[in-house]
Amino acid sequence: MLRESELIGATWEAVDDKVLKVYGKGRKYRLVPIVDPETWTYLNSYTNELRLPLHQCFHGALLCQIDHGDIPLTKHSIEHLLLSLKSHFRSITTLAASPEQLRQEDPSR
């Protein structure tokens, strides 16, 4: 697991084989193992989605904003993403709920 500040500060240069070296709390470096092969698949897909020139693909910030590939993620962009995900999952849950469950949650229905 990464802290928000560690995620924002992570760079491709800090990835070594299956380990991410992050500068974290207490101004110390720590090693975070990347053991899930799906993580590598995701990072490659994500990098391709950015459509960066090859010489920029695996340099600089590990995660950048999709709509602005040269701008790293910020605290604000992560908060916005989490709010969007929360809203998305709430709408899916509401669609999947039965009418009886909805009445129990909101008696005015």
Protein backbone atom coordinates (compact mmCIF):
# COMPACT_ATOMS: atom_id res chain seq x y z
CA MET A 1 0.00 0.00 0.00
CA LEU A 2 1.09 3.52 -0.78
CA ARG A 3 0.24 6.73 0.97
CA GLU A 4 -1.24 9.47 -1.20
CA SER A 5 1.98 11.51 -1.08
CA GLU A 6 4.04 8.45 -2.02
CA LEU A 7 1.78 7.74 -4.99
CA ILE A 8 2.03 11.34 -6.19
CA GLY A 9 5.82 11.32 -5.85
CA ALA A 10 6.43 7.89 -7.41
CA THR A 11 8.56 7.90 -10.56
CA TRP A 12 9.45 5.32 -13.20
CA GLU A 13 13.09 5.72 -12.22
CA ALA A 14 12.16 4.35 -8.76
CA VAL A 15 10.89 1.08 -10.27
CA ASP A 16 13.57 -1.59 -10.09
CA ASP A 17 12.59 -5.07 -11.27
CA LYS A 18 9.62 -5.90 -9.02
CA VAL A 19 10.14 -3.21 -6.39
CA LEU A 20 9.09 0.43 -6.16
CA LYS A 21 11.33 2.65 -4.04
CA VAL A 22 9.24 5.42 -2.47
CA TYR A 23 10.18 8.42 -0.40
CA GLY A 24 7.71 8.41 2.42
CA LYS A 25 6.78 9.32 5.92
CA GLY A 26 9.63 10.31 8.17
CA ARG A 27 11.65 11.34 5.11
CA LYS A 28 12.75 7.77 4.63
CA TYR A 29 12.89 5.54 1.61
CA ARG A 30 11.08 2.24 1.70
CA LEU A 31 10.71 -0.57 -0.79
CA VAL A 32 7.24 -1.62 -1.92
CA PRO A 33 7.15 -4.97 -3.71
CA ILE A 34 5.09 -5.19 -6.90
CA VAL A 35 4.18 -8.86 -6.91
CA ASP A 36 0.86 -8.88 -8.76
CA PRO A 37 1.42 -9.45 -12.51
CA GLU A 38 -1.84 -7.57 -13.18
CA THR A 39 -0.16 -4.42 -11.83
CA TRP A 40 2.43 -4.59 -14.62
CA THR A 41 -0.30 -5.16 -17.19
CA TYR A 42 -2.19 -2.15 -15.85
CA LEU A 43 0.89 0.11 -15.84
CA ASN A 44 1.70 -0.81 -19.45
CA SER A 45 -1.91 -0.23 -20.55
CA TYR A 46 -2.01 3.03 -18.64
CA THR A 47 1.24 4.22 -20.23
CA ASN A 48 -0.10 3.33 -23.69
CA GLU A 49 -3.34 5.22 -22.92
CA LEU A 50 -1.32 8.38 -22.26
CA ARG A 51 -0.02 8.19 -25.85
CA LEU A 52 3.33 9.66 -24.87
CA PRO A 53 6.30 9.59 -27.23
CA LEU A 54 8.49 6.53 -26.61
CA HIS A 55 11.31 8.55 -25.05
CA GLN A 56 8.86 9.84 -22.38
CA CYS A 57 6.91 6.63 -21.71
CA PHE A 58 8.88 5.26 -18.80
CA HIS A 59 10.44 8.41 -17.37
CA GLY A 60 9.26 10.91 -14.82
CA ALA A 61 6.09 10.55 -12.78
CA LEU A 62 4.74 7.01 -12.51
CA LEU A 63 1.14 8.20 -12.81
CA CYS A 64 0.08 11.22 -14.85
CA GLN A 65 -3.29 12.71 -15.64
CA ILE A 66 -4.87 10.91 -18.61
CA ASP A 67 -6.11 14.13 -20.22
CA HIS A 68 -2.75 15.88 -19.65
CA GLY A 69 -0.05 13.22 -20.01
CA ASP A 70 2.79 15.53 -19.08
CA ILE A 71 1.20 16.58 -15.75
CA PRO A 72 1.67 14.21 -12.78
CA LEU A 73 -1.23 13.26 -10.54
CA THR A 74 -1.93 15.76 -7.79
CA LYS A 75 -3.71 15.46 -4.46
CA HIS A 76 -6.69 17.21 -6.05
CA SER A 77 -6.83 14.84 -9.04
CA ILE A 78 -6.75 11.81 -6.71
CA GLU A 79 -9.56 13.27 -4.59
CA HIS A 80 -11.59 13.93 -7.75
CA LEU A 81 -11.01 10.35 -8.94
CA LEU A 82 -12.10 8.90 -5.59
CA LEU A 83 -15.27 11.02 -5.56
CA SER A 84 -16.07 9.85 -9.10
CA LEU A 85 -15.54 6.22 -8.12
CA LYS A 86 -17.71 6.64 -5.03
CA SER A 87 -20.50 8.14 -7.14
CA HIS A 88 -20.15 5.39 -9.75
CA PHE A 89 -20.37 2.58 -7.20
CA ARG A 90 -23.27 4.27 -5.43
CA SER A 91 -25.23 4.41 -8.71
CA ILE A 92 -24.46 0.76 -9.48
CA THR A 93 -25.58 -0.25 -5.99
CA THR A 94 -28.80 1.74 -6.38
CA LEU A 95 -29.54 0.08 -9.72
CA ALA A 96 -28.91 -3.36 -8.26
CA ALA A 97 -31.07 -2.73 -5.17
CA SER A 98 -34.57 -4.14 -5.10
CA PRO A 99 -37.55 -1.77 -4.68
CA GLU A 100 -38.05 -3.18 -1.17
CA GLN A 101 -34.45 -2.33 -0.19
CA LEU A 102 -34.88 1.19 -1.55
CA ARG A 103 -38.10 1.68 0.50
CA GLN A 104 -36.29 0.57 3.65
CA GLU A 105 -33.53 3.11 3.03
CA ASP A 106 -35.92 5.93 2.09
CA PRO A 107 -39.41 5.52 3.63
CA SER A 108 -40.78 8.39 1.51
CA ARG A 109 -40.73 6.11 -1.59
